[in-house]
Amino acid sequence: MEGFKLFKQGAEGRIFKGVYLGKPAIAKERFVKKYRHPDLDSQLTKERIKSESRAIIRCKNAGIRTPTLYLVDFNRRIIFMEYFEKSIAVKDFIPQVSDEVIDKLAVKIGTALGKMHANNIIHGDLTSSNMLLVNKNEQPVYSDFQDLDLIFIDFGLAHVESGAEDKGVDLYVLERALISTHSTAVQIFEKVLESYQNENKSGFKEVFSKFEEVRARGRKRTMVG
């Protein structure tokens, strides 16, 4: 990948940053897992790439902002997609703003997540690091919340699922991520749930019931150790 430099590396793959067709881009490469049979590794990797790409496209169609896909290359096991140079992670934004702005942000997150689940999209790794805010005027200025768009990134664990269990797990993952990162987690999550319910009225009751089941199992595991 000429012109691309290693940006991040994780257990599942490497992310490179560069320019694709004149636009800032990242290239997400899922490397070969040596411990798997080559045919199985190739099949599983292809399915993961398909699931990630499908989830991003479905979000776009539902009106949820995600990176634009530029190229999906199964042979090289790489997805090329949009990179938001002028952005701030929600994780870094929250400590800088007032409770009023945090409430507005939480409503925006809950509405988008409710829309996501209403369209049977499971993100799989909902954290405040995997949400970005970008200025609609393409400036690195984040002082006026009215000017900011919310963008979901990192769909590496995403899939399409109509059942309530995985949606409940998605909510639980978000709650745990907020608690581990932000002192205002309870305030944020309450607002997220409220706006989630408003957006996904028909599915909320069943999803929330599953969320509470998952949360109870999580607490039990914590107590048992």
Protein backbone atom coordinates (compact mmCIF):
# COMPACT_ATOMS: atom_id res chain seq x y z
CA MET A 1 0.00 0.00 0.00
CA GLU A 2 2.15 2.78 -1.31
CA GLY A 3 1.90 6.01 0.69
CA PHE A 4 0.12 4.39 3.64
CA LYS A 5 1.77 4.25 7.07
CA LEU A 6 0.91 2.05 10.03
CA PHE A 7 -1.50 3.91 12.31
CA LYS A 8 -2.75 1.31 14.80
CA GLN A 9 -2.39 -2.40 15.39
CA GLY A 10 -4.75 -4.71 17.24
CA ALA A 11 -5.45 -8.40 17.71
CA GLU A 12 -7.57 -8.61 14.56
CA GLY A 13 -5.59 -6.49 12.13
CA ARG A 14 -3.59 -3.41 11.23
CA ILE A 15 -4.82 0.06 10.33
CA PHE A 16 -2.83 2.23 7.95
CA LYS A 17 -3.33 5.92 7.24
CA GLY A 18 -2.80 7.58 3.88
CA VAL A 19 -4.51 9.09 0.85
CA TYR A 20 -6.88 7.24 -1.50
CA LEU A 21 -8.02 8.95 -4.72
CA GLY A 22 -6.94 12.28 -3.28
CA LYS A 23 -8.87 11.87 0.00
CA PRO A 24 -7.65 11.13 3.55
CA ALA A 25 -8.22 7.42 4.12
CA ILE A 26 -7.48 4.47 6.32
CA ALA A 27 -6.76 0.96 5.11
CA LYS A 28 -7.90 -1.76 7.48
CA GLU A 29 -6.04 -5.02 6.90
CA ARG A 30 -7.06 -8.30 8.54
CA PHE A 31 -3.86 -10.29 8.65
CA VAL A 32 -3.50 -14.07 8.31
CA LYS A 33 -4.00 -16.07 11.51
CA LYS A 34 -1.24 -18.70 11.41
CA TYR A 35 -2.95 -20.96 13.96
CA ARG A 36 -5.95 -21.51 11.64
CA HIS A 37 -6.18 -23.78 8.64
CA PRO A 38 -5.56 -21.49 5.61
CA ASP A 39 -8.95 -22.26 4.02
CA LEU A 40 -10.82 -21.64 7.28
CA ASP A 41 -8.87 -18.45 7.93
CA SER A 42 -9.65 -17.18 4.44
CA GLN A 43 -13.35 -17.99 4.80
CA LEU A 44 -13.71 -16.42 8.27
CA THR A 45 -11.82 -13.29 7.20
CA LYS A 46 -14.00 -12.88 4.12
CA GLU A 47 -17.15 -13.18 6.28
CA ARG A 48 -15.84 -10.60 8.77
CA ILE A 49 -15.03 -8.16 5.97
CA LYS A 50 -18.49 -8.71 4.47
CA SER A 51 -20.19 -8.18 7.84
CA GLU A 52 -18.25 -4.99 8.53
CA SER A 53 -18.94 -3.55 5.07
CA ARG A 54 -22.62 -4.54 5.18
CA ALA A 55 -23.13 -2.90 8.58
CA ILE A 56 -21.51 0.36 7.42
CA ILE A 57 -23.67 0.46 4.28
CA ARG A 58 -26.86 -0.33 6.22
CA CYS A 59 -26.05 2.50 8.65
CA LYS A 60 -25.60 4.89 5.73
CA ASN A 61 -28.96 3.84 4.31
CA ALA A 62 -30.57 4.40 7.73
CA GLY A 63 -29.18 7.95 7.94
CA ILE A 64 -26.46 7.16 10.48
CA ARG A 65 -23.08 8.70 9.67
CA THR A 66 -20.19 6.28 9.24
CA PRO A 67 -16.97 6.36 7.20
CA THR A 68 -17.54 6.13 3.45
CA LEU A 69 -16.28 2.87 1.97
CA TYR A 70 -13.82 3.41 -0.90
CA LEU A 71 -12.78 -0.14 -1.74
CA VAL A 72 -13.28 -3.64 -0.33
CA ASP A 73 -10.44 -5.91 -1.46
CA PHE A 74 -11.03 -9.55 -0.44
CA ASN A 75 -7.81 -10.80 -2.04
CA ARG A 76 -5.63 -8.44 0.00
CA ARG A 77 -8.01 -8.65 3.00
CA ILE A 78 -8.24 -4.85 3.15
CA ILE A 79 -11.02 -2.26 3.42
CA PHE A 80 -10.19 1.28 2.31
CA MET A 81 -12.44 3.90 3.90
CA GLU A 82 -12.80 7.56 4.78
CA TYR A 83 -10.60 9.03 7.50
CA PHE A 84 -11.86 12.02 9.50
CA GLU A 85 -8.80 14.20 10.02
CA LYS A 86 -10.76 17.04 11.63
CA SER A 87 -12.61 15.21 14.37
CA ILE A 88 -12.69 14.64 18.11
CA ALA A 89 -13.50 11.35 19.82
CA VAL A 90 -16.55 11.49 22.08
CA LYS A 91 -14.24 10.12 24.80
CA ASP A 92 -12.14 13.30 24.63
CA PHE A 93 -15.08 15.65 24.06
CA ILE A 94 -17.13 14.72 27.16
CA PRO A 95 -14.63 15.95 29.82
CA GLN A 96 -14.42 19.36 28.13
CA VAL A 97 -18.13 20.31 28.07
CA SER A 98 -21.01 21.22 30.38
CA ASP A 99 -23.73 18.88 31.66
CA GLU A 100 -26.17 20.53 29.25
CA VAL A 101 -24.01 19.66 26.24
CA ILE A 102 -23.43 16.14 27.58
CA ASP A 103 -27.21 15.66 27.74
CA LYS A 104 -27.58 16.79 24.13
CA LEU A 105 -24.80 14.46 23.05
CA ALA A 106 -26.37 11.53 24.92
CA VAL A 107 -29.69 12.16 23.17
CA LYS A 108 -27.89 12.16 19.81
CA ILE A 109 -26.12 8.88 20.66
CA GLY A 110 -29.32 7.20 21.87
CA THR A 111 -31.28 8.30 18.81
CA ALA A 112 -28.61 6.99 16.44
CA LEU A 113 -28.30 3.71 18.34
CA GLY A 114 -32.09 3.27 18.42
CA LYS A 115 -32.12 3.77 14.65
CA MET A 116 -29.24 1.32 14.26
CA HIS A 117 -31.03 -1.41 16.21
CA ALA A 118 -34.37 -0.72 14.52
CA ASN A 119 -32.51 -1.59 11.32
CA ASN A 120 -31.05 -4.75 12.93
CA ILE A 121 -27.46 -3.48 12.91
CA ILE A 122 -25.33 -4.64 15.84
CA HIS A 123 -22.19 -2.55 16.30
CA GLY A 124 -20.42 -4.96 18.64
CA ASP A 125 -17.95 -2.52 20.21
CA LEU A 126 -19.83 0.57 21.36
CA THR A 127 -17.44 2.83 23.27
CA SER A 128 -16.93 6.58 23.41
CA SER A 129 -13.66 6.02 21.51
CA ASN A 130 -15.60 4.56 18.58
CA MET A 131 -17.76 7.65 18.15
CA LEU A 132 -16.46 10.85 16.62
CA LEU A 133 -17.75 14.40 16.39
CA VAL A 134 -17.02 16.41 13.26
CA ASN A 135 -17.81 20.01 12.47
CA LYS A 136 -20.30 20.38 9.60
CA ASN A 137 -18.22 23.32 8.37
CA GLU A 138 -15.15 21.07 8.12
CA GLN A 139 -13.28 23.05 10.77
CA PRO A 140 -11.49 21.59 13.81
CA VAL A 141 -13.75 23.60 16.11
CA TYR A 142 -16.11 21.85 18.55
CA SER A 143 -17.41 24.66 20.74
CA ASP A 144 -20.90 24.89 19.20
CA PHE A 145 -22.74 21.58 19.53
CA GLN A 146 -25.26 22.64 16.86
CA ASP A 147 -22.45 22.42 14.30
CA LEU A 148 -21.40 18.88 15.19
CA ASP A 149 -22.29 15.58 13.54
CA LEU A 150 -21.95 12.23 15.31
CA ILE A 151 -20.09 9.49 13.44
CA PHE A 152 -19.79 5.83 14.41
CA ILE A 153 -16.54 4.07 13.51
CA ASP A 154 -14.84 0.68 13.96
CA PHE A 155 -17.41 -1.86 12.78
CA GLY A 156 -14.92 -4.74 12.98
CA LEU A 157 -17.26 -6.76 15.24
CA ALA A 158 -20.49 -5.59 13.61
CA HIS A 159 -23.15 -7.84 12.12
CA VAL A 160 -26.80 -7.86 11.13
CA GLU A 161 -29.12 -9.52 13.65
CA SER A 162 -32.87 -9.10 14.25
CA GLY A 163 -32.98 -10.73 17.71
CA ALA A 164 -33.08 -8.73 20.94
CA GLU A 165 -30.20 -10.55 22.70
CA ASP A 166 -27.37 -9.00 20.67
CA LYS A 167 -28.99 -5.57 20.88
CA GLY A 168 -29.16 -5.93 24.66
CA VAL A 169 -25.47 -6.88 24.69
CA ASP A 170 -24.69 -3.79 22.57
CA LEU A 171 -26.35 -1.59 25.21
CA TYR A 172 -24.52 -3.39 28.02
CA VAL A 173 -21.14 -2.97 26.29
CA LEU A 174 -21.84 0.76 25.94
CA GLU A 175 -22.87 1.10 29.59
CA ARG A 176 -19.73 -0.69 30.80
CA ALA A 177 -17.51 1.36 28.49
CA LEU A 178 -19.02 4.62 29.77
CA ILE A 179 -18.67 3.57 33.42
CA SER A 180 -15.03 2.66 32.95
CA THR A 181 -14.22 5.94 31.21
CA HIS A 182 -16.49 8.78 32.37
CA SER A 183 -17.51 10.10 35.77
CA THR A 184 -20.80 11.26 34.22
CA ALA A 185 -21.61 7.73 32.93
CA VAL A 186 -24.92 7.33 34.79
CA GLN A 187 -26.20 10.69 33.52
CA ILE A 188 -25.13 9.88 29.96
CA PHE A 189 -26.55 6.36 29.85
CA GLU A 190 -29.94 7.40 31.27
CA LYS A 191 -30.31 9.96 28.47
CA VAL A 192 -29.08 7.44 25.90
CA LEU A 193 -31.76 4.94 26.98
CA GLU A 194 -34.46 7.60 26.97
CA SER A 195 -33.75 8.73 23.41
CA TYR A 196 -33.13 5.12 22.30
CA GLN A 197 -36.65 4.25 23.45
CA ASN A 198 -38.13 7.24 21.62
CA GLU A 199 -36.44 6.15 18.39
CA ASN A 200 -37.03 2.40 18.69
CA LYS A 201 -40.43 2.27 20.40
CA SER A 202 -41.57 -1.08 19.00
CA GLY A 203 -38.39 -2.94 19.92
CA PHE A 204 -37.43 -1.22 23.17
CA LYS A 205 -39.28 -3.38 25.69
CA GLU A 206 -37.76 -6.66 24.51
CA VAL A 207 -34.27 -5.20 24.03
CA PHE A 208 -34.30 -3.54 27.46
CA SER A 209 -35.41 -6.83 29.06
CA LYS A 210 -32.45 -8.61 27.41
CA PHE A 211 -30.12 -5.78 28.46
CA GLU A 212 -31.17 -6.24 32.10
CA GLU A 213 -30.59 -10.01 31.82
CA VAL A 214 -27.10 -9.45 30.40
CA ARG A 215 -26.36 -6.84 33.07
CA ALA A 216 -27.46 -9.26 35.83
CA ARG A 217 -25.19 -11.97 34.41
CA GLY A 218 -22.33 -9.47 34.28
CA ARG A 219 -22.84 -8.50 37.92
CA LYS A 220 -22.98 -12.15 38.96
CA ARG A 221 -19.67 -12.86 37.20
CA THR A 222 -18.12 -9.82 38.94
CA MET A 223 -19.30 -11.03 42.36
CA VAL A 224 -18.10 -14.59 41.77
CA GLY A 225 -14.83 -13.33 40.33
